[in-house]
């Protein structure tokens, strides 16, 4: 039961985007639509889960002096897999996400979970933690992308349901900051009510 507490904490209590403010570069850069946010979130979730598993398995064999570079190599291997699969099977999403896919390697969320959690816990607990934090990150990016897409173009997941163009500022960079700021306020209010 204790293992599953780690799964849910990434959704609200320790959400990487809305609470911990980690991974904001891809959060602000790719969330022009809900589809882009979901794609980036799921790619990051895969890398997070797999790197947590591998780090947890081989933690005893990595000397302290090369711990961080070793984690980066592990993470980069899974990012390369994601990039190649996405390029082959989801070329439109790959084009939309662009440089932010390789930047998963240096995402503070992924490296931080490998260092702070996976290197100190068993494989199952590390995998559950990676899944929870990754899904929380995916939800945050999808919600932010959906808000920006609805307000900016009157559509969601590409389906147009409002006439006109919407407020174009929300599709641009300043709209990302406005939408993220309001969503952070909402999540903080929800967390305070739960406390």
N, C-alpha and C. Protein backbone atom coordinates (compact mmCIF):
# COMPACT_ATOMS: atom_id res chain seq x y z
N UNK A 1 0.82 -1.20 0.00
CA UNK A 1 0.00 0.00 0.00
C UNK A 1 0.86 1.26 0.00
N UNK A 2 1.96 1.21 0.71
CA UNK A 2 2.88 2.35 0.78
C UNK A 2 3.42 2.72 -0.59
N UNK A 3 3.65 1.68 -1.43
CA UNK A 3 4.18 1.92 -2.77
C UNK A 3 3.22 2.76 -3.60
N UNK A 4 1.94 2.56 -3.43
CA UNK A 4 0.95 3.26 -4.25
C UNK A 4 0.76 4.70 -3.83
N UNK A 5 1.24 5.08 -2.63
CA UNK A 5 1.20 6.49 -2.23
C UNK A 5 2.08 7.31 -3.18
N UNK A 6 3.18 6.71 -3.63
CA UNK A 6 4.09 7.39 -4.55
C UNK A 6 3.44 7.62 -5.91
N UNK A 7 2.47 6.76 -6.25
CA UNK A 7 1.82 6.88 -7.55
C UNK A 7 0.96 8.14 -7.63
N UNK A 8 0.19 8.42 -6.61
CA UNK A 8 -0.78 9.52 -6.66
C UNK A 8 -0.19 10.88 -6.31
N UNK A 9 0.97 10.93 -5.68
CA UNK A 9 1.50 12.23 -5.25
C UNK A 9 1.89 13.11 -6.43
N UNK A 10 2.20 12.54 -7.58
CA UNK A 10 2.56 13.33 -8.75
C UNK A 10 1.39 14.01 -9.42
N UNK A 11 0.17 13.63 -9.04
CA UNK A 11 -1.01 14.21 -9.68
C UNK A 11 -1.32 15.61 -9.14
N UNK A 12 -1.37 15.77 -7.82
CA UNK A 12 -1.67 17.07 -7.22
C UNK A 12 -0.61 17.51 -6.23
N UNK A 13 -0.37 16.70 -5.21
CA UNK A 13 0.48 17.11 -4.08
C UNK A 13 1.89 17.51 -4.52
N UNK A 14 2.49 16.74 -5.42
CA UNK A 14 3.84 17.02 -5.92
C UNK A 14 3.86 17.08 -7.44
N UNK A 15 2.83 17.66 -8.05
CA UNK A 15 2.80 17.77 -9.51
C UNK A 15 4.01 18.55 -9.99
N UNK A 16 4.71 17.99 -10.96
CA UNK A 16 5.97 18.58 -11.43
C UNK A 16 5.78 19.98 -12.00
N UNK A 17 4.69 20.22 -12.69
CA UNK A 17 4.48 21.51 -13.34
C UNK A 17 3.82 22.52 -12.40
N UNK A 18 2.71 22.15 -11.80
CA UNK A 18 1.91 23.10 -11.04
C UNK A 18 2.40 23.34 -9.62
N UNK A 19 3.15 22.40 -9.03
CA UNK A 19 3.60 22.55 -7.65
C UNK A 19 5.13 22.69 -7.57
N UNK A 20 5.86 21.76 -8.17
CA UNK A 20 7.31 21.78 -8.10
C UNK A 20 7.97 22.70 -9.12
N UNK A 21 7.20 23.10 -10.14
CA UNK A 21 7.67 23.98 -11.22
C UNK A 21 8.92 23.43 -11.92
N UNK A 22 8.88 22.13 -12.23
CA UNK A 22 9.97 21.47 -12.96
C UNK A 22 9.54 21.24 -14.41
N UNK A 23 10.49 21.23 -15.30
CA UNK A 23 10.20 20.94 -16.70
C UNK A 23 9.40 22.04 -17.38
N UNK A 24 9.63 23.28 -16.98
CA UNK A 24 8.82 24.37 -17.54
C UNK A 24 9.19 24.73 -18.98
N UNK A 25 10.39 24.42 -19.40
CA UNK A 25 10.77 24.72 -20.79
C UNK A 25 9.87 23.98 -21.78
N UNK A 26 9.76 22.64 -21.70
CA UNK A 26 8.83 21.97 -22.61
C UNK A 26 7.37 22.30 -22.30
N UNK A 27 7.08 22.56 -21.04
CA UNK A 27 5.71 22.89 -20.66
C UNK A 27 5.23 24.13 -21.39
N UNK A 28 6.03 25.15 -21.41
CA UNK A 28 5.64 26.39 -22.06
C UNK A 28 5.84 26.33 -23.57
N UNK A 29 6.80 25.54 -24.01
CA UNK A 29 7.14 25.52 -25.43
C UNK A 29 6.23 24.68 -26.31
N UNK A 30 5.73 23.56 -25.81
CA UNK A 30 4.99 22.64 -26.69
C UNK A 30 3.50 22.62 -26.47
N UNK A 31 3.01 23.30 -25.46
CA UNK A 31 1.59 23.16 -25.11
C UNK A 31 0.69 24.11 -25.90
N UNK A 32 0.96 24.31 -27.17
CA UNK A 32 0.08 25.13 -28.00
C UNK A 32 -1.22 24.39 -28.31
N UNK A 33 -1.22 23.08 -28.09
CA UNK A 33 -2.44 22.28 -28.28
C UNK A 33 -2.45 21.14 -27.28
N UNK A 34 -3.64 20.61 -27.03
CA UNK A 34 -3.77 19.49 -26.10
C UNK A 34 -3.02 18.26 -26.62
N UNK A 35 -3.07 18.04 -27.94
CA UNK A 35 -2.40 16.88 -28.53
C UNK A 35 -0.89 16.95 -28.32
N UNK A 36 -0.30 18.13 -28.53
CA UNK A 36 1.13 18.29 -28.32
C UNK A 36 1.49 18.05 -26.85
N UNK A 37 0.67 18.60 -25.93
CA UNK A 37 0.93 18.40 -24.51
C UNK A 37 0.86 16.94 -24.11
N UNK A 38 -0.16 16.24 -24.62
CA UNK A 38 -0.30 14.81 -24.32
C UNK A 38 0.87 14.01 -24.89
N UNK A 39 1.27 14.32 -26.10
CA UNK A 39 2.39 13.61 -26.73
C UNK A 39 3.69 13.80 -25.96
N UNK A 40 3.98 15.03 -25.58
CA UNK A 40 5.19 15.31 -24.82
C UNK A 40 5.13 14.67 -23.44
N UNK A 41 3.96 14.71 -22.81
CA UNK A 41 3.80 14.11 -21.49
C UNK A 41 4.01 12.61 -21.51
N UNK A 42 3.43 11.94 -22.50
CA UNK A 42 3.57 10.48 -22.58
C UNK A 42 5.00 10.07 -22.93
N UNK A 43 5.66 10.85 -23.78
CA UNK A 43 7.07 10.57 -24.10
C UNK A 43 7.92 10.70 -22.84
N UNK A 44 7.69 11.74 -22.07
CA UNK A 44 8.44 11.95 -20.83
C UNK A 44 8.12 10.86 -19.81
N UNK A 45 6.86 10.43 -19.76
CA UNK A 45 6.47 9.37 -18.83
C UNK A 45 7.21 8.07 -19.14
N UNK A 46 7.29 7.71 -20.42
CA UNK A 46 8.01 6.50 -20.81
C UNK A 46 9.47 6.59 -20.36
N UNK A 47 10.12 7.71 -20.66
CA UNK A 47 11.53 7.89 -20.29
C UNK A 47 11.68 7.83 -18.77
N UNK A 48 10.78 8.46 -18.06
CA UNK A 48 10.84 8.50 -16.60
C UNK A 48 10.71 7.11 -15.98
N UNK A 49 9.73 6.35 -16.44
CA UNK A 49 9.52 5.01 -15.90
C UNK A 49 10.70 4.10 -16.22
N UNK A 50 11.11 4.08 -17.48
CA UNK A 50 12.19 3.18 -17.88
C UNK A 50 13.53 3.55 -17.23
N UNK A 51 13.84 4.83 -17.16
CA UNK A 51 15.10 5.23 -16.53
C UNK A 51 15.07 4.95 -15.03
N UNK A 52 13.92 5.15 -14.38
CA UNK A 52 13.82 4.80 -12.96
C UNK A 52 14.06 3.32 -12.73
N UNK A 53 13.50 2.48 -13.59
CA UNK A 53 13.69 1.04 -13.46
C UNK A 53 15.16 0.67 -13.60
N UNK A 54 15.80 1.18 -14.65
CA UNK A 54 17.21 0.82 -14.89
C UNK A 54 18.11 1.36 -13.79
N UNK A 55 17.89 2.62 -13.37
CA UNK A 55 18.71 3.19 -12.30
C UNK A 55 18.55 2.38 -11.02
N UNK A 56 17.33 1.97 -10.72
CA UNK A 56 17.09 1.18 -9.51
C UNK A 56 17.78 -0.18 -9.57
N UNK A 57 17.83 -0.76 -10.76
CA UNK A 57 18.48 -2.07 -10.92
C UNK A 57 19.99 -1.99 -10.77
N UNK A 58 20.61 -0.98 -11.40
CA UNK A 58 22.08 -0.94 -11.44
C UNK A 58 22.71 0.04 -10.44
N UNK A 59 21.93 0.58 -9.52
CA UNK A 59 22.44 1.60 -8.59
C UNK A 59 23.66 1.14 -7.79
N UNK A 60 23.72 -0.14 -7.46
CA UNK A 60 24.84 -0.63 -6.65
C UNK A 60 26.14 -0.74 -7.45
N UNK A 61 26.04 -0.74 -8.77
CA UNK A 61 27.23 -0.92 -9.61
C UNK A 61 27.81 0.40 -10.11
N UNK A 62 27.16 1.52 -9.81
CA UNK A 62 27.62 2.82 -10.31
C UNK A 62 28.42 3.51 -9.20
N UNK A 63 29.69 3.82 -9.47
CA UNK A 63 30.49 4.55 -8.47
C UNK A 63 29.93 5.96 -8.27
N UNK A 64 30.09 6.50 -7.07
CA UNK A 64 29.54 7.82 -6.75
C UNK A 64 30.09 8.92 -7.66
N UNK A 65 31.34 8.81 -8.08
CA UNK A 65 31.95 9.86 -8.90
C UNK A 65 31.30 10.00 -10.27
N UNK A 66 30.73 8.94 -10.79
CA UNK A 66 30.14 9.00 -12.14
C UNK A 66 28.63 8.74 -12.10
N UNK A 67 28.03 8.97 -10.96
CA UNK A 67 26.61 8.69 -10.79
C UNK A 67 25.74 9.53 -11.74
N UNK A 68 25.88 10.84 -11.72
CA UNK A 68 25.05 11.72 -12.55
C UNK A 68 25.30 11.50 -14.04
N UNK A 69 26.57 11.44 -14.49
CA UNK A 69 26.78 11.15 -15.92
C UNK A 69 26.20 9.80 -16.35
N UNK A 70 26.25 8.83 -15.45
CA UNK A 70 25.66 7.52 -15.77
C UNK A 70 24.15 7.62 -15.94
N UNK A 71 23.51 8.38 -15.06
CA UNK A 71 22.06 8.56 -15.16
C UNK A 71 21.70 9.27 -16.47
N UNK A 72 22.52 10.24 -16.86
CA UNK A 72 22.24 10.97 -18.09
C UNK A 72 22.36 10.05 -19.30
N UNK A 73 23.34 9.16 -19.30
CA UNK A 73 23.48 8.21 -20.40
C UNK A 73 22.27 7.26 -20.46
N UNK A 74 21.82 6.80 -19.32
CA UNK A 74 20.64 5.93 -19.27
C UNK A 74 19.42 6.67 -19.82
N UNK A 75 19.20 7.89 -19.34
CA UNK A 75 18.06 8.69 -19.79
C UNK A 75 18.16 8.97 -21.28
N UNK A 76 19.35 9.32 -21.75
CA UNK A 76 19.55 9.63 -23.18
C UNK A 76 19.25 8.42 -24.06
N UNK A 77 19.53 7.24 -23.57
CA UNK A 77 19.23 6.02 -24.35
C UNK A 77 17.73 5.88 -24.57
N UNK A 78 16.94 6.11 -23.53
CA UNK A 78 15.48 6.00 -23.68
C UNK A 78 14.90 7.16 -24.48
N UNK A 79 15.49 8.34 -24.35
CA UNK A 79 15.03 9.47 -25.16
C UNK A 79 15.29 9.19 -26.64
N UNK A 80 16.41 8.59 -26.96
CA UNK A 80 16.71 8.23 -28.35
C UNK A 80 15.69 7.24 -28.88
N UNK A 81 15.31 6.26 -28.05
CA UNK A 81 14.27 5.31 -28.47
C UNK A 81 12.96 6.03 -28.77
N UNK A 82 12.55 6.91 -27.85
CA UNK A 82 11.30 7.66 -28.04
C UNK A 82 11.36 8.49 -29.31
N UNK A 83 12.49 9.15 -29.51
CA UNK A 83 12.65 10.02 -30.68
C UNK A 83 12.55 9.22 -31.98
N UNK A 84 13.20 8.08 -32.05
CA UNK A 84 13.16 7.27 -33.27
C UNK A 84 11.78 6.68 -33.53
N UNK A 85 11.12 6.20 -32.48
CA UNK A 85 9.76 5.66 -32.64
C UNK A 85 8.79 6.75 -33.07
N UNK A 86 8.90 7.91 -32.44
CA UNK A 86 8.01 9.02 -32.78
C UNK A 86 8.26 9.50 -34.21
N UNK A 87 9.51 9.57 -34.60
CA UNK A 87 9.84 9.99 -35.97
C UNK A 87 9.29 9.01 -36.99
N UNK A 88 9.30 7.72 -36.67
CA UNK A 88 8.83 6.71 -37.61
C UNK A 88 7.31 6.61 -37.66
N UNK A 89 6.64 6.70 -36.51
CA UNK A 89 5.21 6.41 -36.47
C UNK A 89 4.31 7.63 -36.24
N UNK A 90 4.86 8.71 -35.70
CA UNK A 90 4.09 9.93 -35.45
C UNK A 90 4.84 11.15 -35.99
N UNK A 91 5.05 11.21 -37.29
CA UNK A 91 5.89 12.28 -37.85
C UNK A 91 5.33 13.69 -37.61
N UNK A 92 4.00 13.85 -37.59
CA UNK A 92 3.43 15.18 -37.35
C UNK A 92 3.71 15.65 -35.92
N UNK A 93 3.54 14.75 -34.97
CA UNK A 93 3.84 15.08 -33.58
C UNK A 93 5.34 15.32 -33.39
N UNK A 94 6.15 14.50 -34.04
CA UNK A 94 7.60 14.67 -33.98
C UNK A 94 8.00 16.04 -34.49
N UNK A 95 7.39 16.48 -35.59
CA UNK A 95 7.69 17.80 -36.15
C UNK A 95 7.22 18.91 -35.22
N UNK A 96 6.06 18.72 -34.59
CA UNK A 96 5.51 19.75 -33.70
C UNK A 96 6.35 19.91 -32.43
N UNK A 97 6.84 18.80 -31.89
CA UNK A 97 7.60 18.86 -30.65
C UNK A 97 9.05 19.29 -30.87
N UNK A 98 9.59 18.94 -32.03
CA UNK A 98 10.92 19.40 -32.43
C UNK A 98 12.01 19.16 -31.42
N UNK A 99 12.72 20.23 -31.09
CA UNK A 99 13.90 20.14 -30.22
C UNK A 99 13.56 19.73 -28.79
N UNK A 100 12.30 19.84 -28.41
CA UNK A 100 11.93 19.52 -27.03
C UNK A 100 12.00 18.03 -26.73
N UNK A 101 11.98 17.18 -27.75
CA UNK A 101 12.12 15.74 -27.50
C UNK A 101 13.53 15.41 -26.99
N UNK A 102 14.59 15.82 -27.69
CA UNK A 102 15.93 15.54 -27.15
C UNK A 102 16.19 16.23 -25.80
N UNK A 103 15.48 17.33 -25.54
CA UNK A 103 15.69 18.03 -24.28
C UNK A 103 15.11 17.30 -23.08
N UNK A 104 14.38 16.20 -23.30
CA UNK A 104 13.92 15.38 -22.18
C UNK A 104 15.12 14.87 -21.38
N UNK A 105 16.25 14.70 -22.06
CA UNK A 105 17.47 14.20 -21.39
C UNK A 105 17.83 15.09 -20.20
N UNK A 106 17.68 16.39 -20.34
CA UNK A 106 18.08 17.30 -19.27
C UNK A 106 16.89 17.85 -18.49
N UNK A 107 15.74 17.23 -18.63
CA UNK A 107 14.57 17.65 -17.87
C UNK A 107 14.82 17.38 -16.39
N UNK A 108 14.67 18.39 -15.58
CA UNK A 108 14.94 18.26 -14.13
C UNK A 108 14.08 17.19 -13.48
N UNK A 109 12.87 17.02 -13.97
CA UNK A 109 11.98 16.01 -13.39
C UNK A 109 12.58 14.62 -13.55
N UNK A 110 13.03 14.29 -14.75
CA UNK A 110 13.55 12.94 -15.03
C UNK A 110 14.84 12.68 -14.26
N UNK A 111 15.78 13.60 -14.36
CA UNK A 111 17.05 13.42 -13.67
C UNK A 111 16.87 13.47 -12.15
N UNK A 112 16.00 14.35 -11.69
CA UNK A 112 15.74 14.46 -10.25
C UNK A 112 15.14 13.20 -9.66
N UNK A 113 14.18 12.58 -10.38
CA UNK A 113 13.57 11.35 -9.87
C UNK A 113 14.57 10.20 -9.89
N UNK A 114 15.45 10.17 -10.89
CA UNK A 114 16.48 9.12 -10.92
C UNK A 114 17.42 9.27 -9.72
N UNK A 115 17.84 10.51 -9.46
CA UNK A 115 18.79 10.77 -8.37
C UNK A 115 18.14 10.65 -7.00
N UNK A 116 17.00 11.29 -6.81
CA UNK A 116 16.41 11.38 -5.48
C UNK A 116 15.57 10.17 -5.10
N UNK A 117 15.03 9.45 -6.08
CA UNK A 117 14.11 8.37 -5.72
C UNK A 117 14.57 7.00 -6.21
N UNK A 118 14.79 6.87 -7.52
CA UNK A 118 15.10 5.55 -8.07
C UNK A 118 16.41 4.98 -7.51
N UNK A 119 17.38 5.85 -7.27
CA UNK A 119 18.67 5.37 -6.75
C UNK A 119 18.61 4.94 -5.29
N UNK A 120 17.47 5.18 -4.63
CA UNK A 120 17.34 4.86 -3.22
C UNK A 120 16.23 3.85 -2.92
N UNK A 121 15.55 3.36 -3.97
CA UNK A 121 14.41 2.47 -3.76
C UNK A 121 14.50 1.25 -4.67
N UNK A 122 13.63 0.26 -4.39
CA UNK A 122 13.62 -0.95 -5.21
C UNK A 122 12.94 -0.69 -6.56
N UNK A 123 13.01 -1.66 -7.42
CA UNK A 123 12.55 -1.50 -8.81
C UNK A 123 11.05 -1.21 -8.89
N UNK A 124 10.24 -1.94 -8.16
CA UNK A 124 8.79 -1.76 -8.25
C UNK A 124 8.39 -0.38 -7.74
N UNK A 125 8.94 0.03 -6.60
CA UNK A 125 8.63 1.35 -6.05
C UNK A 125 9.09 2.45 -7.00
N UNK A 126 10.27 2.29 -7.60
CA UNK A 126 10.80 3.28 -8.54
C UNK A 126 9.93 3.37 -9.79
N UNK A 127 9.46 2.23 -10.28
CA UNK A 127 8.59 2.22 -11.47
C UNK A 127 7.25 2.89 -11.17
N UNK A 128 6.69 2.60 -10.00
CA UNK A 128 5.41 3.21 -9.62
C UNK A 128 5.57 4.72 -9.47
N UNK A 129 6.67 5.14 -8.85
CA UNK A 129 6.93 6.57 -8.70
C UNK A 129 7.07 7.24 -10.07
N UNK A 130 7.83 6.62 -10.97
CA UNK A 130 8.01 7.17 -12.30
C UNK A 130 6.69 7.28 -13.05
N UNK A 131 5.84 6.26 -12.92
CA UNK A 131 4.54 6.29 -13.59
C UNK A 131 3.66 7.40 -13.03
N UNK A 132 3.62 7.53 -11.72
CA UNK A 132 2.80 8.57 -11.09
C UNK A 132 3.26 9.97 -11.43
N UNK A 133 4.55 10.21 -11.32
CA UNK A 133 5.09 11.54 -11.64
C UNK A 133 4.93 11.83 -13.13
N UNK A 134 5.15 10.82 -13.96
CA UNK A 134 5.00 11.01 -15.41
C UNK A 134 3.57 11.28 -15.82
N UNK A 135 2.63 10.55 -15.25
CA UNK A 135 1.22 10.79 -15.58
C UNK A 135 0.76 12.15 -15.06
N UNK A 136 1.25 12.55 -13.89
CA UNK A 136 0.95 13.90 -13.40
C UNK A 136 1.48 14.97 -14.34
N UNK A 137 2.69 14.76 -14.85
CA UNK A 137 3.30 15.67 -15.82
C UNK A 137 2.47 15.68 -17.11
N UNK A 138 2.04 14.49 -17.56
CA UNK A 138 1.23 14.39 -18.78
C UNK A 138 -0.10 15.12 -18.62
N UNK A 139 -0.74 14.92 -17.47
CA UNK A 139 -2.02 15.60 -17.22
C UNK A 139 -1.82 17.11 -17.23
N UNK A 140 -0.76 17.59 -16.57
CA UNK A 140 -0.50 19.03 -16.52
C UNK A 140 -0.28 19.60 -17.91
N UNK A 141 0.53 18.94 -18.74
CA UNK A 141 0.78 19.43 -20.10
C UNK A 141 -0.48 19.38 -20.95
N UNK A 142 -1.27 18.32 -20.80
CA UNK A 142 -2.50 18.19 -21.59
C UNK A 142 -3.52 19.25 -21.18
N UNK A 143 -3.67 19.48 -19.89
CA UNK A 143 -4.61 20.51 -19.42
C UNK A 143 -4.17 21.89 -19.89
N UNK A 144 -2.89 22.19 -19.73
CA UNK A 144 -2.38 23.49 -20.18
C UNK A 144 -2.56 23.65 -21.69
N UNK A 145 -2.23 22.59 -22.45
CA UNK A 145 -2.43 22.64 -23.90
C UNK A 145 -3.88 22.80 -24.28
N UNK A 146 -4.77 22.12 -23.55
CA UNK A 146 -6.21 22.22 -23.83
C UNK A 146 -6.72 23.63 -23.56
N UNK A 147 -6.32 24.21 -22.44
CA UNK A 147 -6.74 25.58 -22.11
C UNK A 147 -6.26 26.55 -23.18
N UNK A 148 -5.00 26.44 -23.56
CA UNK A 148 -4.45 27.34 -24.58
C UNK A 148 -5.13 27.13 -25.92
N UNK A 149 -5.41 25.87 -26.28
CA UNK A 149 -6.05 25.59 -27.56
C UNK A 149 -7.50 26.10 -27.58
N UNK A 150 -8.22 25.89 -26.49
CA UNK A 150 -9.61 26.36 -26.42
C UNK A 150 -9.67 27.88 -26.52
N UNK A 151 -8.85 28.55 -25.71
CA UNK A 151 -8.89 30.01 -25.70
C UNK A 151 -8.26 30.62 -26.95
N UNK A 152 -7.25 29.96 -27.49
CA UNK A 152 -6.53 30.51 -28.63
C UNK A 152 -7.16 30.25 -29.98
N UNK A 153 -7.81 29.09 -30.13
CA UNK A 153 -8.35 28.77 -31.46
C UNK A 153 -9.76 28.20 -31.43
N UNK A 154 -10.34 28.05 -30.23
CA UNK A 154 -11.71 27.55 -30.14
C UNK A 154 -11.85 26.09 -30.52
N UNK A 155 -10.81 25.32 -30.24
CA UNK A 155 -10.84 23.89 -30.56
C UNK A 155 -10.19 23.10 -29.44
N UNK A 156 -10.37 21.79 -29.48
CA UNK A 156 -9.72 20.89 -28.52
C UNK A 156 -9.34 19.62 -29.26
N UNK A 157 -8.10 19.21 -29.13
CA UNK A 157 -7.55 18.07 -29.87
C UNK A 157 -7.83 18.22 -31.37
N UNK A 158 -7.75 19.45 -31.85
CA UNK A 158 -7.95 19.72 -33.27
C UNK A 158 -9.40 19.83 -33.71
N UNK A 159 -10.36 19.54 -32.82
CA UNK A 159 -11.78 19.59 -33.17
C UNK A 159 -12.30 21.00 -32.88
N UNK A 160 -12.67 21.73 -33.92
CA UNK A 160 -13.14 23.11 -33.81
C UNK A 160 -14.58 23.12 -33.33
N UNK A 161 -14.86 23.78 -32.20
CA UNK A 161 -16.23 23.83 -31.69
C UNK A 161 -16.71 25.26 -31.44
N UNK A 162 -15.82 26.24 -31.54
CA UNK A 162 -16.23 27.64 -31.41
C UNK A 162 -15.95 28.37 -32.73
N UNK A 163 -16.87 29.22 -33.16
CA UNK A 163 -16.62 29.96 -34.40
C UNK A 163 -15.54 31.02 -34.18
N UNK A 164 -14.90 31.40 -35.24
CA UNK A 164 -13.88 32.45 -35.16
C UNK A 164 -12.51 31.90 -34.81
N UNK A 165 -11.61 32.85 -34.54
CA UNK A 165 -10.22 32.48 -34.29
C UNK A 165 -9.85 32.37 -32.82
N UNK A 166 -10.61 32.94 -31.93
CA UNK A 166 -10.24 32.92 -30.52
C UNK A 166 -9.24 34.03 -30.22
N UNK A 167 -8.68 33.99 -29.03
CA UNK A 167 -7.69 34.98 -28.62
C UNK A 167 -6.31 34.46 -28.96
N UNK A 168 -5.75 34.96 -30.03
CA UNK A 168 -4.49 34.43 -30.59
C UNK A 168 -3.34 34.48 -29.58
N UNK A 169 -3.42 35.38 -28.59
CA UNK A 169 -2.35 35.49 -27.61
C UNK A 169 -2.12 34.18 -26.87
N UNK A 170 -3.16 33.37 -26.71
CA UNK A 170 -2.99 32.12 -25.96
C UNK A 170 -2.26 31.04 -26.75
N UNK A 171 -2.15 31.20 -28.05
CA UNK A 171 -1.37 30.26 -28.85
C UNK A 171 0.10 30.70 -28.87
N UNK A 172 0.34 31.96 -28.57
CA UNK A 172 1.69 32.51 -28.55
C UNK A 172 2.33 32.32 -27.17
N UNK A 173 3.62 32.64 -27.07
CA UNK A 173 4.37 32.45 -25.82
C UNK A 173 3.78 33.17 -24.61
N UNK A 174 3.34 34.44 -24.73
CA UNK A 174 2.77 35.08 -23.53
C UNK A 174 1.55 34.35 -22.99
N UNK A 175 0.75 33.76 -23.87
CA UNK A 175 -0.43 33.01 -23.44
C UNK A 175 -0.08 31.81 -22.59
N UNK A 176 1.09 31.21 -22.85
CA UNK A 176 1.54 30.07 -22.06
C UNK A 176 1.76 30.51 -20.61
N UNK A 177 2.38 31.67 -20.42
CA UNK A 177 2.62 32.17 -19.06
C UNK A 177 1.32 32.53 -18.36
N UNK A 178 0.40 33.18 -19.07
CA UNK A 178 -0.89 33.54 -18.46
C UNK A 178 -1.65 32.27 -18.03
N UNK A 179 -1.78 31.33 -18.95
CA UNK A 179 -2.54 30.11 -18.66
C UNK A 179 -1.88 29.31 -17.53
N UNK A 180 -0.56 29.18 -17.58
CA UNK A 180 0.14 28.43 -16.53
C UNK A 180 -0.03 29.10 -15.17
N UNK A 181 0.08 30.41 -15.12
CA UNK A 181 -0.08 31.13 -13.86
C UNK A 181 -1.44 30.89 -13.23
N UNK A 182 -2.50 30.98 -14.04
CA UNK A 182 -3.84 30.75 -13.50
C UNK A 182 -4.04 29.30 -13.07
N UNK A 183 -3.50 28.37 -13.82
CA UNK A 183 -3.63 26.96 -13.44
C UNK A 183 -2.87 26.64 -12.15
N UNK A 184 -1.71 27.28 -11.96
CA UNK A 184 -0.96 27.10 -10.71
C UNK A 184 -1.78 27.59 -9.53
N UNK A 185 -2.44 28.73 -9.69
CA UNK A 185 -3.29 29.28 -8.62
C UNK A 185 -4.41 28.29 -8.28
N UNK A 186 -5.06 27.74 -9.31
CA UNK A 186 -6.17 26.81 -9.09
C UNK A 186 -5.68 25.55 -8.35
N UNK A 187 -4.56 24.98 -8.80
CA UNK A 187 -4.04 23.77 -8.16
C UNK A 187 -3.62 24.05 -6.72
N UNK A 188 -3.00 25.21 -6.47
CA UNK A 188 -2.62 25.55 -5.10
C UNK A 188 -3.84 25.69 -4.19
N UNK A 189 -4.91 26.25 -4.70
CA UNK A 189 -6.15 26.36 -3.91
C UNK A 189 -6.72 24.98 -3.61
N UNK A 190 -6.70 24.09 -4.58
CA UNK A 190 -7.18 22.72 -4.36
C UNK A 190 -6.31 22.01 -3.32
N UNK A 191 -5.00 22.16 -3.42
CA UNK A 191 -4.09 21.52 -2.46
C UNK A 191 -4.29 22.06 -1.05
N UNK A 192 -4.56 23.37 -0.91
CA UNK A 192 -4.79 23.94 0.41
C UNK A 192 -6.08 23.42 1.03
N UNK A 193 -7.11 23.23 0.20
CA UNK A 193 -8.37 22.68 0.72
C UNK A 193 -8.20 21.24 1.19
N UNK A 194 -7.32 20.48 0.51
CA UNK A 194 -7.10 19.08 0.90
C UNK A 194 -6.28 18.97 2.17
N UNK A 195 -5.43 19.99 2.43
CA UNK A 195 -4.53 19.93 3.60
C UNK A 195 -5.26 20.14 4.91
